PDB file of N, CA and C in Angstrom:
ATOM      1  N   MET A   1      19.428  -8.204 -26.067  1.00  0.00           N
ATOM      2  CA  MET A   1      17.991  -8.322 -25.928  1.00  0.00           C
ATOM      3  C   MET A   1      17.335  -7.415 -26.960  1.00  0.00           C
ATOM      4  N   SER A   2      16.345  -7.935 -27.653  1.00  0.00           N
ATOM      5  CA  SER A   2      15.662  -7.127 -28.667  1.00  0.00           C
ATOM      6  C   SER A   2      14.782  -6.081 -27.993  1.00  0.00           C
ATOM      7  N   ASN A   3      14.436  -5.041 -28.744  1.00  0.00           N
ATOM      8  CA  ASN A   3      13.646  -3.941 -28.188  1.00  0.00           C
ATOM      9  C   ASN A   3      12.218  -4.322 -27.842  1.00  0.00           C
ATOM     10  N   ASN A   4      11.711  -5.456 -28.317  1.00  0.00           N
ATOM     11  CA  ASN A   4      10.320  -5.809 -28.004  1.00  0.00           C
ATOM     12  C   ASN A   4      10.228  -6.888 -26.928  1.00  0.00           C
ATOM     13  N   THR A   5      11.350  -7.187 -26.274  1.00  0.00           N
ATOM     14  CA  THR A   5      11.365  -8.137 -25.165  1.00  0.00           C
ATOM     15  C   THR A   5      11.176  -7.375 -23.858  1.00  0.00           C
ATOM     16  N   ILE A   6      10.394  -7.941 -22.962  1.00  0.00           N
ATOM     17  CA  ILE A   6      10.191  -7.337 -21.651  1.00  0.00           C
ATOM     18  C   ILE A   6      10.859  -8.218 -20.610  1.00  0.00           C
ATOM     19  N   LYS A   7      11.686  -7.588 -19.788  1.00  0.00           N
ATOM     20  CA  LYS A   7      12.395  -8.302 -18.725  1.00  0.00           C
ATOM     21  C   LYS A   7      12.114  -7.587 -17.404  1.00  0.00           C
ATOM     22  N   ILE A   8      11.789  -8.347 -16.354  1.00  0.00           N
ATOM     23  CA  ILE A   8      11.549  -7.779 -15.033  1.00  0.00           C
ATOM     24  C   ILE A   8      12.538  -8.397 -14.060  1.00  0.00           C
ATOM     25  N   GLN A   9      13.246  -7.547 -13.327  1.00  0.00           N
ATOM     26  CA  GLN A   9      14.152  -7.995 -12.284  1.00  0.00           C
ATOM     27  C   GLN A   9      13.606  -7.519 -10.944  1.00  0.00           C
ATOM     28  N   PHE A  10      13.481  -8.425  -9.986  1.00  0.00           N
ATOM     29  CA  PHE A  10      13.022  -8.093  -8.647  1.00  0.00           C
ATOM     30  C   PHE A  10      14.260  -7.835  -7.792  1.00  0.00           C
ATOM     31  N   LEU A  11      14.485  -6.584  -7.436  1.00  0.00           N
ATOM     32  CA  LEU A  11      15.697  -6.176  -6.741  1.00  0.00           C
ATOM     33  C   LEU A  11      15.452  -5.894  -5.266  1.00  0.00           C
ATOM     34  N   GLY A  12      14.245  -5.989  -4.832  1.00  0.00           N
ATOM     35  CA  GLY A  12      13.865  -5.767  -3.444  1.00  0.00           C
ATOM     36  C   GLY A  12      12.406  -6.149  -3.286  1.00  0.00           C
ATOM     37  N   ALA A  13      11.961  -6.189  -2.049  1.00  0.00           N
ATOM     38  CA  ALA A  13      10.570  -6.542  -1.731  1.00  0.00           C
ATOM     39  C   ALA A  13      10.175  -7.887  -2.348  1.00  0.00           C
ATOM     40  N   ALA A  14      11.147  -8.774  -2.480  1.00  0.00           N
ATOM     41  CA  ALA A  14      10.892 -10.145  -2.930  1.00  0.00           C
ATOM     42  C   ALA A  14      11.405 -11.041  -1.806  1.00  0.00           C
ATOM     43  N   GLY A  15      10.519 -11.725  -1.140  1.00  0.00           N
ATOM     44  CA  GLY A  15      10.894 -12.500   0.030  1.00  0.00           C
ATOM     45  C   GLY A  15      10.861 -11.658   1.294  1.00  0.00           C
ATOM     46  N   THR A  16      10.598 -10.380   1.159  1.00  0.00           N
ATOM     47  CA  THR A  16      10.444  -9.447   2.274  1.00  0.00           C
ATOM     48  C   THR A  16       9.533  -8.317   1.790  1.00  0.00           C
ATOM     49  N   VAL A  17       9.060  -7.498   2.706  1.00  0.00           N
ATOM     50  CA  VAL A  17       8.149  -6.425   2.302  1.00  0.00           C
ATOM     51  C   VAL A  17       8.839  -5.065   2.227  1.00  0.00           C
ATOM     52  N   THR A  18      10.146  -5.053   2.231  1.00  0.00           N
ATOM     53  CA  THR A  18      10.872  -3.790   2.275  1.00  0.00           C
ATOM     54  C   THR A  18      11.896  -3.718   1.143  1.00  0.00           C
ATOM     55  N   GLY A  19      12.357  -2.509   0.846  1.00  0.00           N
ATOM     56  CA  GLY A  19      13.362  -2.323  -0.202  1.00  0.00           C
ATOM     57  C   GLY A  19      12.809  -2.449  -1.608  1.00  0.00           C
ATOM     58  N   SER A  20      11.618  -1.969  -1.828  1.00  0.00           N
ATOM     59  CA  SER A  20      10.948  -2.136  -3.113  1.00  0.00           C
ATOM     60  C   SER A  20      11.741  -1.547  -4.271  1.00  0.00           C
ATOM     61  N   LYS A  21      12.119  -2.414  -5.224  1.00  0.00           N
ATOM     62  CA  LYS A  21      12.810  -2.002  -6.452  1.00  0.00           C
ATOM     63  C   LYS A  21      12.537  -3.063  -7.504  1.00  0.00           C
ATOM     64  N   TYR A  22      12.006  -2.646  -8.645  1.00  0.00           N
ATOM     65  CA  TYR A  22      11.762  -3.542  -9.770  1.00  0.00           C
ATOM     66  C   TYR A  22      12.291  -2.872 -11.015  1.00  0.00           C
ATOM     67  N   LEU A  23      13.177  -3.538 -11.712  1.00  0.00           N
ATOM     68  CA  LEU A  23      13.732  -2.984 -12.937  1.00  0.00           C
ATOM     69  C   LEU A  23      13.049  -3.646 -14.124  1.00  0.00           C
ATOM     70  N   ILE A  24      12.388  -2.827 -14.920  1.00  0.00           N
ATOM     71  CA  ILE A  24      11.725  -3.315 -16.123  1.00  0.00           C
ATOM     72  C   ILE A  24      12.519  -2.816 -17.329  1.00  0.00           C
ATOM     73  N   THR A  25      12.938  -3.754 -18.154  1.00  0.00           N
ATOM     74  CA  THR A  25      13.620  -3.416 -19.400  1.00  0.00           C
ATOM     75  C   THR A  25      12.674  -3.788 -20.531  1.00  0.00           C
ATOM     76  N   ALA A  26      12.269  -2.795 -21.294  1.00  0.00           N
ATOM     77  CA  ALA A  26      11.299  -3.018 -22.371  1.00  0.00           C
ATOM     78  C   ALA A  26      11.443  -1.934 -23.428  1.00  0.00           C
ATOM     79  N   PHE A  27      11.339  -2.352 -24.677  1.00  0.00           N
ATOM     80  CA  PHE A  27      11.326  -1.416 -25.793  1.00  0.00           C
ATOM     81  C   PHE A  27      12.532  -0.475 -25.765  1.00  0.00           C
ATOM     82  N   GLY A  28      13.685  -1.013 -25.360  1.00  0.00           N
ATOM     83  CA  GLY A  28      14.905  -0.230 -25.333  1.00  0.00           C
ATOM     84  C   GLY A  28      15.035   0.723 -24.162  1.00  0.00           C
ATOM     85  N   LYS A  29      14.163   0.621 -23.173  1.00  0.00           N
ATOM     86  CA  LYS A  29      14.195   1.504 -22.001  1.00  0.00           C
ATOM     87  C   LYS A  29      14.378   0.691 -20.728  1.00  0.00           C
ATOM     88  N   ASN A  30      15.025   1.306 -19.743  1.00  0.00           N
ATOM     89  CA  ASN A  30      15.176   0.725 -18.409  1.00  0.00           C
ATOM     90  C   ASN A  30      14.385   1.580 -17.434  1.00  0.00           C
ATOM     91  N   ILE A  31      13.360   0.995 -16.849  1.00  0.00           N
ATOM     92  CA  ILE A  31      12.456   1.714 -15.961  1.00  0.00           C
ATOM     93  C   ILE A  31      12.537   1.070 -14.588  1.00  0.00           C
ATOM     94  N   LEU A  32      12.900   1.868 -13.589  1.00  0.00           N
ATOM     95  CA  LEU A  32      12.948   1.372 -12.223  1.00  0.00           C
ATOM     96  C   LEU A  32      11.648   1.758 -11.528  1.00  0.00           C
ATOM     97  N   ILE A  33      10.899   0.747 -11.114  1.00  0.00           N
ATOM     98  CA  ILE A  33       9.663   0.993 -10.366  1.00  0.00           C
ATOM     99  C   ILE A  33      10.046   0.977  -8.893  1.00  0.00           C
ATOM    100  N   ASP A  34       9.931   2.102  -8.251  1.00  0.00           N
ATOM    101  CA  ASP A  34      10.311   2.325  -6.857  1.00  0.00           C
ATOM    102  C   ASP A  34      11.810   2.192  -6.672  1.00  0.00           C
ATOM    103  N   CYS A  35      12.289   2.759  -5.583  1.00  0.00           N
ATOM    104  CA  CYS A  35      13.723   2.786  -5.302  1.00  0.00           C
ATOM    105  C   CYS A  35      13.888   2.882  -3.786  1.00  0.00           C
ATOM    106  N   GLY A  36      13.463   1.810  -3.103  1.00  0.00           N
ATOM    107  CA  GLY A  36      13.350   1.870  -1.658  1.00  0.00           C
ATOM    108  C   GLY A  36      14.521   1.313  -0.879  1.00  0.00           C
ATOM    109  N   LEU A  37      14.589   1.765   0.368  1.00  0.00           N
ATOM    110  CA  LEU A  37      15.562   1.246   1.330  1.00  0.00           C
ATOM    111  C   LEU A  37      15.029  -0.035   1.954  1.00  0.00           C
ATOM    112  N   PHE A  38      15.948  -0.939   2.254  1.00  0.00           N
ATOM    113  CA  PHE A  38      15.597  -2.076   3.091  1.00  0.00           C
ATOM    114  C   PHE A  38      15.573  -1.567   4.527  1.00  0.00           C
ATOM    115  N   GLN A  39      14.550  -1.953   5.274  1.00  0.00           N
ATOM    116  CA  GLN A  39      14.399  -1.514   6.654  1.00  0.00           C
ATOM    117  C   GLN A  39      14.132  -2.725   7.539  1.00  0.00           C
ATOM    118  N   GLY A  40      14.246  -2.507   8.831  1.00  0.00           N
ATOM    119  CA  GLY A  40      13.904  -3.563   9.781  1.00  0.00           C
ATOM    120  C   GLY A  40      15.126  -4.280  10.306  1.00  0.00           C
ATOM    121  N   LEU A  41      15.128  -5.601  10.180  1.00  0.00           N
ATOM    122  CA  LEU A  41      16.215  -6.419  10.702  1.00  0.00           C
ATOM    123  C   LEU A  41      17.559  -5.998  10.122  1.00  0.00           C
ATOM    124  N   LYS A  42      18.614  -6.124  10.929  1.00  0.00           N
ATOM    125  CA  LYS A  42      19.954  -5.729  10.484  1.00  0.00           C
ATOM    126  C   LYS A  42      20.344  -6.427   9.187  1.00  0.00           C
ATOM    127  N   GLU A  43      20.008  -7.704   9.052  1.00  0.00           N
ATOM    128  CA  GLU A  43      20.365  -8.435   7.831  1.00  0.00           C
ATOM    129  C   GLU A  43      19.721  -7.816   6.594  1.00  0.00           C
ATOM    130  N   LEU A  44      18.553  -7.227   6.762  1.00  0.00           N
ATOM    131  CA  LEU A  44      17.913  -6.524   5.649  1.00  0.00           C
ATOM    132  C   LEU A  44      18.572  -5.167   5.416  1.00  0.00           C
ATOM    133  N   ARG A  45      18.803  -4.416   6.484  1.00  0.00           N
ATOM    134  CA  ARG A  45      19.414  -3.084   6.349  1.00  0.00           C
ATOM    135  C   ARG A  45      20.789  -3.160   5.688  1.00  0.00           C
ATOM    136  N   LEU A  46      21.523  -4.223   5.950  1.00  0.00           N
ATOM    137  CA  LEU A  46      22.849  -4.375   5.341  1.00  0.00           C
ATOM    138  C   LEU A  46      22.778  -4.493   3.822  1.00  0.00           C
ATOM    139  N   LEU A  47      21.630  -4.918   3.303  1.00  0.00           N
ATOM    140  CA  LEU A  47      21.466  -5.008   1.851  1.00  0.00           C
ATOM    141  C   LEU A  47      21.586  -3.639   1.172  1.00  0.00           C
ATOM    142  N   ASN A  48      21.308  -2.575   1.913  1.00  0.00           N
ATOM    143  CA  ASN A  48      21.423  -1.219   1.363  1.00  0.00           C
ATOM    144  C   ASN A  48      22.858  -0.871   0.985  1.00  0.00           C
ATOM    145  N   TRP A  49      23.837  -1.589   1.521  1.00  0.00           N
ATOM    146  CA  TRP A  49      25.245  -1.299   1.274  1.00  0.00           C
ATOM    147  C   TRP A  49      25.861  -2.238   0.240  1.00  0.00           C
ATOM    148  N   GLU A  50      25.086  -3.204  -0.220  1.00  0.00           N
ATOM    149  CA  GLU A  50      25.573  -4.126  -1.245  1.00  0.00           C
ATOM    150  C   GLU A  50      25.722  -3.380  -2.577  1.00  0.00           C
ATOM    151  N   PRO A  51      26.668  -3.819  -3.418  1.00  0.00           N
ATOM    152  CA  PRO A  51      26.784  -3.190  -4.743  1.00  0.00           C
ATOM    153  C   PRO A  51      25.476  -3.346  -5.525  1.00  0.00           C
ATOM    154  N   LEU A  52      25.156  -2.334  -6.283  1.00  0.00           N
ATOM    155  CA  LEU A  52      23.951  -2.385  -7.101  1.00  0.00           C
ATOM    156  C   LEU A  52      24.109  -3.454  -8.178  1.00  0.00           C
ATOM    157  N   SER A  53      23.027  -4.126  -8.493  1.00  0.00           N
ATOM    158  CA  SER A  53      23.086  -5.204  -9.490  1.00  0.00           C
ATOM    159  C   SER A  53      22.810  -4.699 -10.908  1.00  0.00           C
ATOM    160  N   PHE A  54      22.769  -3.391 -11.071  1.00  0.00           N
ATOM    161  CA  PHE A  54      22.531  -2.786 -12.376  1.00  0.00           C
ATOM    162  C   PHE A  54      23.244  -1.441 -12.400  1.00  0.00           C
ATOM    163  N   PRO A  55      23.644  -0.963 -13.559  1.00  0.00           N
ATOM    164  CA  PRO A  55      24.304   0.348 -13.625  1.00  0.00           C
ATOM    165  C   PRO A  55      23.266   1.481 -13.582  1.00  0.00           C
ATOM    166  N   PRO A  56      23.255   2.280 -12.519  1.00  0.00           N
ATOM    167  CA  PRO A  56      22.269   3.363 -12.399  1.00  0.00           C
ATOM    168  C   PRO A  56      22.270   4.326 -13.581  1.00  0.00           C
ATOM    169  N   ALA A  57      23.416   4.544 -14.192  1.00  0.00           N
ATOM    170  CA  ALA A  57      23.489   5.473 -15.325  1.00  0.00           C
ATOM    171  C   ALA A  57      22.676   4.974 -16.521  1.00  0.00           C
ATOM    172  N   GLN A  58      22.362   3.688 -16.543  1.00  0.00           N
ATOM    173  CA  GLN A  58      21.600   3.134 -17.662  1.00  0.00           C
ATOM    174  C   GLN A  58      20.083   3.144 -17.427  1.00  0.00           C
ATOM    175  N   ILE A  59      19.662   3.597 -16.255  1.00  0.00           N
ATOM    176  CA  ILE A  59      18.223   3.691 -15.987  1.00  0.00           C
ATOM    177  C   ILE A  59      17.697   4.967 -16.616  1.00  0.00           C
ATOM    178  N   ASP A  60      16.636   4.837 -17.373  1.00  0.00           N
ATOM    179  CA  ASP A  60      16.061   5.993 -18.056  1.00  0.00           C
ATOM    180  C   ASP A  60      15.137   6.803 -17.158  1.00  0.00           C
ATOM    181  N   VAL A  61      14.376   6.124 -16.317  1.00  0.00           N
ATOM    182  CA  VAL A  61      13.382   6.803 -15.497  1.00  0.00           C
ATOM    183  C   VAL A  61      13.080   5.959 -14.264  1.00  0.00           C
ATOM    184  N   VAL A  62      12.762   6.640 -13.166  1.00  0.00           N
ATOM    185  CA  VAL A  62      12.264   5.978 -11.958  1.00  0.00           C
ATOM    186  C   VAL A  62      10.809   6.377 -11.808  1.00  0.00           C
ATOM    187  N   LEU A  63       9.954   5.382 -11.616  1.00  0.00           N
ATOM    188  CA  LEU A  63       8.528   5.605 -11.394  1.00  0.00           C
ATOM    189  C   LEU A  63       8.214   5.228  -9.956  1.00  0.00           C
ATOM    190  N   LEU A  64       7.747   6.200  -9.174  1.00  0.00           N
ATOM    191  CA  LEU A  64       7.412   5.950  -7.777  1.00  0.00           C
ATOM    192  C   LEU A  64       5.932   5.630  -7.633  1.00  0.00           C
ATOM    193  N   THR A  65       5.636   4.533  -6.956  1.00  0.00           N
ATOM    194  CA  THR A  65       4.239   4.165  -6.730  1.00  0.00           C
ATOM    195  C   THR A  65       3.647   4.932  -5.561  1.00  0.00           C
ATOM    196  N   HIS A  66       4.485   5.187  -4.545  1.00  0.00           N
ATOM    197  CA  HIS A  66       4.088   6.029  -3.413  1.00  0.00           C
ATOM    198  C   HIS A  66       5.345   6.429  -2.652  1.00  0.00           C
ATOM    199  N   ALA A  67       5.199   7.247  -1.608  1.00  0.00           N
ATOM    200  CA  ALA A  67       6.343   7.951  -1.032  1.00  0.00           C
ATOM    201  C   ALA A  67       6.999   7.287   0.170  1.00  0.00           C
ATOM    202  N   HIS A  68       6.535   6.152   0.637  1.00  0.00           N
ATOM    203  CA  HIS A  68       7.162   5.538   1.817  1.00  0.00           C
ATOM    204  C   HIS A  68       8.661   5.350   1.607  1.00  0.00           C
ATOM    205  N   LEU A  69       9.422   5.407   2.702  1.00  0.00           N
ATOM    206  CA  LEU A  69      10.875   5.294   2.629  1.00  0.00           C
ATOM    207  C   LEU A  69      11.322   3.970   2.019  1.00  0.00           C
ATOM    208  N   ASP A  70      10.556   2.916   2.231  1.00  0.00           N
ATOM    209  CA  ASP A  70      10.937   1.625   1.641  1.00  0.00           C
ATOM    210  C   ASP A  70      10.588   1.553   0.158  1.00  0.00           C
ATOM    211  N   HIS A  71      10.109   2.672  -0.403  1.00  0.00           N
ATOM    212  CA  HIS A  71       9.858   2.792  -1.841  1.00  0.00           C
ATOM    213  C   HIS A  71      10.640   3.953  -2.467  1.00  0.00           C
ATOM    214  N   THR A  72      11.208   4.840  -1.630  1.00  0.00           N
ATOM    215  CA  THR A  72      11.909   6.027  -2.156  1.00  0.00           C
ATOM    216  C   THR A  72      13.288   6.253  -1.551  1.00  0.00           C
ATOM    217  N   GLY A  73      13.579   5.641  -0.428  1.00  0.00           N
ATOM    218  CA  GLY A  73      14.754   5.980   0.363  1.00  0.00           C
ATOM    219  C   GLY A  73      16.096   5.686  -0.270  1.00  0.00           C
ATOM    220  N   TYR A  74      16.131   4.885  -1.329  1.00  0.00           N
ATOM    221  CA  TYR A  74      17.394   4.547  -1.992  1.00  0.00           C
ATOM    222  C   TYR A  74      17.732   5.536  -3.107  1.00  0.00           C
ATOM    223  N   LEU A  75      16.840   6.482  -3.375  1.00  0.00           N
ATOM    224  CA  LEU A  75      17.068   7.447  -4.452  1.00  0.00           C
ATOM    225  C   LEU A  75      18.385   8.211  -4.315  1.00  0.00           C
ATOM    226  N   PRO A  76      18.756   8.690  -3.113  1.00  0.00           N
ATOM    227  CA  PRO A  76      20.040   9.413  -3.025  1.00  0.00           C
ATOM    228  C   PRO A  76      21.238   8.562  -3.465  1.00  0.00           C
ATOM    229  N   ARG A  77      21.250   7.295  -3.090  1.00  0.00           N
ATOM    230  CA  ARG A  77      22.369   6.437  -3.519  1.00  0.00           C
ATOM    231  C   ARG A  77      22.316   6.200  -5.023  1.00  0.00           C
ATOM    232  N   LEU A  78      21.116   6.030  -5.561  1.00  0.00           N
ATOM    233  CA  LEU A  78      20.980   5.817  -6.998  1.00  0.00           C
ATOM    234  C   LEU A  78      21.588   6.994  -7.762  1.00  0.00           C
ATOM    235  N   VAL A  79      21.298   8.205  -7.310  1.00  0.00           N
ATOM    236  CA  VAL A  79      21.845   9.409  -7.942  1.00  0.00           C
ATOM    237  C   VAL A  79      23.360   9.465  -7.740  1.00  0.00           C
ATOM    238  N   LYS A  80      23.808   9.179  -6.532  1.00  0.00           N
ATOM    239  CA  LYS A  80      25.250   9.189  -6.243  1.00  0.00           C
ATOM    240  C   LYS A  80      25.999   8.213  -7.142  1.00  0.00           C
ATOM    241  N   GLU A  81      25.352   7.106  -7.487  1.00  0.00           N
ATOM    242  CA  GLU A  81      25.987   6.066  -8.302  1.00  0.00           C
ATOM    243  C   GLU A  81      25.838   6.308  -9.810  1.00  0.00           C
ATOM    244  N   GLY A  82      25.203   7.443 -10.199  1.00  0.00           N
ATOM    245  CA  GLY A  82      25.206   7.793 -11.618  1.00  0.00           C
ATOM    246  C   GLY A  82      23.863   7.974 -12.305  1.00  0.00           C
ATOM    247  N   PHE A  83      22.742   7.788 -11.608  1.00  0.00           N
ATOM    248  CA  PHE A  83      21.432   7.998 -12.237  1.00  0.00           C
ATOM    249  C   PHE A  83      21.229   9.486 -12.515  1.00  0.00           C
ATOM    250  N   THR A  84      20.824   9.809 -13.741  1.00  0.00           N
ATOM    251  CA  THR A  84      20.574  11.209 -14.111  1.00  0.00           C
ATOM    252  C   THR A  84      19.207  11.400 -14.769  1.00  0.00           C
ATOM    253  N   GLY A  85      18.395  10.357 -14.808  1.00  0.00           N
ATOM    254  CA  GLY A  85      17.095  10.432 -15.470  1.00  0.00           C
ATOM    255  C   GLY A  85      16.047  11.127 -14.624  1.00  0.00           C
ATOM    256  N   ASN A  86      14.825  11.061 -15.095  1.00  0.00           N
ATOM    257  CA  ASN A  86      13.699  11.674 -14.403  1.00  0.00           C
ATOM    258  C   ASN A  86      13.126  10.732 -13.350  1.00  0.00           C
ATOM    259  N   ILE A  87      12.557  11.324 -12.306  1.00  0.00           N
ATOM    260  CA  ILE A  87      11.816  10.593 -11.286  1.00  0.00           C
ATOM    261  C   ILE A  87      10.384  11.067 -11.411  1.00  0.00           C
ATOM    262  N   ILE A  88       9.476  10.132 -11.691  1.00  0.00           N
ATOM    263  CA  ILE A  88       8.090  10.534 -11.900  1.00  0.00           C
ATOM    264  C   ILE A  88       7.172   9.839 -10.895  1.00  0.00           C
ATOM    265  N   GLY A  89       6.090  10.484 -10.619  1.00  0.00           N
ATOM    266  CA  GLY A  89       5.054   9.987  -9.712  1.00  0.00           C
ATOM    267  C   GLY A  89       3.952  11.021  -9.681  1.00  0.00           C
ATOM    268  N   THR A  90       2.907  10.729  -8.947  1.00  0.00           N
ATOM    269  CA  THR A  90       1.845  11.723  -8.821  1.00  0.00           C
ATOM    270  C   THR A  90       2.387  12.916  -8.035  1.00  0.00           C
ATOM    271  N   SER A  91       1.765  14.045  -8.180  1.00  0.00           N
ATOM    272  CA  SER A  91       2.198  15.245  -7.468  1.00  0.00           C
ATOM    273  C   SER A  91       2.238  15.013  -5.961  1.00  0.00           C
ATOM    274  N   PRO A  92       1.191  14.434  -5.340  1.00  0.00           N
ATOM    275  CA  PRO A  92       1.266  14.184  -3.900  1.00  0.00           C
ATOM    276  C   PRO A  92       2.400  13.224  -3.528  1.00  0.00           C
ATOM    277  N   THR A  93       2.630  12.197  -4.338  1.00  0.00           N
ATOM    278  CA  THR A  93       3.726  11.259  -4.052  1.00  0.00           C
ATOM    279  C   THR A  93       5.055  11.982  -4.059  1.00  0.00           C
ATOM    280  N   LEU A  94       5.300  12.808  -5.042  1.00  0.00           N
ATOM    281  CA  LEU A  94       6.571  13.528  -5.132  1.00  0.00           C
ATOM    282  C   LEU A  94       6.736  14.527  -3.995  1.00  0.00           C
ATOM    283  N   GLN A  95       5.634  15.188  -3.602  1.00  0.00           N
ATOM    284  CA  GLN A  95       5.701  16.152  -2.494  1.00  0.00           C
ATOM    285  C   GLN A  95       6.013  15.455  -1.178  1.00  0.00           C
ATOM    286  N   VAL A  96       5.360  14.337  -0.908  1.00  0.00           N
ATOM    287  CA  VAL A  96       5.601  13.602   0.339  1.00  0.00           C
ATOM    288  C   VAL A  96       6.980  12.951   0.311  1.00  0.00           C
ATOM    289  N   ALA A  97       7.402  12.436  -0.841  1.00  0.00           N
ATOM    290  CA  ALA A  97       8.731  11.832  -0.957  1.00  0.00           C
ATOM    291  C   ALA A  97       9.812  12.851  -0.613  1.00  0.00           C
ATOM    292  N   GLU A  98       9.649  14.074  -1.057  1.00  0.00           N
ATOM    293  CA  GLU A  98      10.632  15.111  -0.740  1.00  0.00           C
ATOM    294  C   GLU A  98      10.739  15.316   0.771  1.00  0.00           C
ATOM    295  N   ILE A  99       9.605  15.365   1.447  1.00  0.00           N
ATOM    296  CA  ILE A  99       9.597  15.533   2.906  1.00  0.00           C
ATOM    297  C   ILE A  99      10.259  14.336   3.584  1.00  0.00           C
ATOM    298  N   ILE A 100       9.894  13.141   3.164  1.00  0.00           N
ATOM    299  CA  ILE A 100      10.440  11.924   3.773  1.00  0.00           C
ATOM    300  C   ILE A 100      11.947  11.837   3.556  1.00  0.00           C
ATOM    301  N   LEU A 101      12.423  12.136   2.355  1.00  0.00           N
ATOM    302  CA  LEU A 101      13.856  12.055   2.081  1.00  0.00           C
ATOM    303  C   LEU A 101      14.643  13.104   2.868  1.00  0.00           C
ATOM    304  N   LYS A 102      14.110  14.301   2.994  1.00  0.00           N
ATOM    305  CA  LYS A 102      14.790  15.336   3.787  1.00  0.00           C
ATOM    306  C   LYS A 102      14.830  14.935   5.256  1.00  0.00           C
ATOM    307  N   ASP A 103      13.730  14.391   5.769  1.00  0.00           N
ATOM    308  CA  ASP A 103      13.680  13.948   7.159  1.00  0.00           C
ATOM    309  C   ASP A 103      14.659  12.805   7.395  1.00  0.00           C
ATOM    310  N   SER A 104      14.702  11.860   6.485  1.00  0.00           N
ATOM    311  CA  SER A 104      15.619  10.731   6.600  1.00  0.00           C
ATOM    312  C   SER A 104      17.070  11.211   6.574  1.00  0.00           C
ATOM    313  N   ALA A 105      17.381  12.145   5.695  1.00  0.00           N
ATOM    314  CA  ALA A 105      18.746  12.676   5.615  1.00  0.00           C
ATOM    315  C   ALA A 105      19.128  13.354   6.927  1.00  0.00           C
ATOM    316  N   LYS A 106      18.197  14.097   7.509  1.00  0.00           N
ATOM    317  CA  LYS A 106      18.469  14.783   8.781  1.00  0.00           C
ATOM    318  C   LYS A 106      18.744  13.767   9.880  1.00  0.00           C
ATOM    319  N   ILE A 107      17.942  12.726   9.955  1.00  0.00           N
ATOM    320  CA  ILE A 107      18.130  11.691  10.974  1.00  0.00           C
ATOM    321  C   ILE A 107      19.470  10.993  10.779  1.00  0.00           C
ATOM    322  N   GLN A 108      19.795  10.646   9.538  1.00  0.00           N
ATOM    323  CA  GLN A 108      21.067   9.975   9.271  1.00  0.00           C
ATOM    324  C   GLN A 108      22.250  10.872   9.616  1.00  0.00           C
ATOM    325  N   GLU A 109      22.150  12.153   9.329  1.00  0.00           N
ATOM    326  CA  GLU A 109      23.220  13.086   9.650  1.00  0.00           C
ATOM    327  C   GLU A 109      23.380  13.214  11.165  1.00  0.00           C
ATOM    328  N   GLU A 110      22.268  13.280  11.886  1.00  0.00           N
ATOM    329  CA  GLU A 110      22.324  13.353  13.345  1.00  0.00           C
ATOM    330  C   GLU A 110      22.967  12.101  13.926  1.00  0.00           C
ATOM    331  N   ARG A 111      22.635  10.952  13.406  1.00  0.00           N
ATOM    332  CA  ARG A 111      23.208   9.700  13.908  1.00  0.00           C
ATOM    333  C   ARG A 111      24.692   9.615  13.594  1.00  0.00           C
ATOM    334  N   ARG A 112      25.096  10.160  12.456  1.00  0.00           N
ATOM    335  CA  ARG A 112      26.508  10.121  12.071  1.00  0.00           C
ATOM    336  C   ARG A 112      27.318  11.022  12.995  1.00  0.00           C
ATOM    337  N   CYS A 113      26.776  12.185  13.294  1.00  0.00           N
ATOM    338  CA  CYS A 113      27.490  13.126  14.129  1.00  0.00           C
ATOM    339  C   CYS A 113      27.422  12.737  15.595  1.00  0.00           C
ATOM    340  N   CYS A 114      26.333  12.128  16.009  1.00  0.00           N
ATOM    341  CA  CYS A 114      26.118  11.781  17.413  1.00  0.00           C
ATOM    342  C   CYS A 114      25.543  10.369  17.489  1.00  0.00           C
ATOM    343  N   PRO A 115      26.375   9.327  17.336  1.00  0.00           N
ATOM    344  CA  PRO A 115      25.897   7.952  17.192  1.00  0.00           C
ATOM    345  C   PRO A 115      24.936   7.469  18.283  1.00  0.00           C
ATOM    346  N   GLY A 116      25.051   7.975  19.492  1.00  0.00           N
ATOM    347  CA  GLY A 116      24.175   7.516  20.572  1.00  0.00           C
ATOM    348  C   GLY A 116      22.807   8.161  20.560  1.00  0.00           C
ATOM    349  N   LYS A 117      22.636   9.192  19.747  1.00  0.00           N
ATOM    350  CA  LYS A 117      21.369   9.938  19.724  1.00  0.00           C
ATOM    351  C   LYS A 117      20.279   9.103  19.075  1.00  0.00           C
ATOM    352  N   GLN A 118      19.153   9.041  19.706  1.00  0.00           N
ATOM    353  CA  GLN A 118      18.000   8.320  19.156  1.00  0.00           C
ATOM    354  C   GLN A 118      17.085   9.291  18.476  1.00  0.00           C
ATOM    355  N   ALA A 119      16.614   8.928  17.311  1.00  0.00           N
ATOM    356  CA  ALA A 119      15.687   9.797  16.562  1.00  0.00           C
ATOM    357  C   ALA A 119      14.262   9.366  16.803  1.00  0.00           C
TER     358      ALA A 119
END
């Protein structure tokens, strides 16, 4: 693909309102707009465990539109799978995303250790 071609891949929130992820390839850069978890119905949540359709190490930057978990919750897996670029957003978005991700991690850890526990 030439550097002046723009390509958009809808990786989530297409056909559903959850799991927001859009990969834009333009001018030699790979930009991921949002990096959300699929939530809700089990069939949607299972999508979070599917192999990624792009190599995270090739993403240059993640741009967050806002901090909801369905827009930020997949960031830990993205990093685990090799993303090392910057995550950008407004200061309030980044501050709230940090709180949401820490809270989500705590809930997931509690459920892993004590599966019957409701959060």
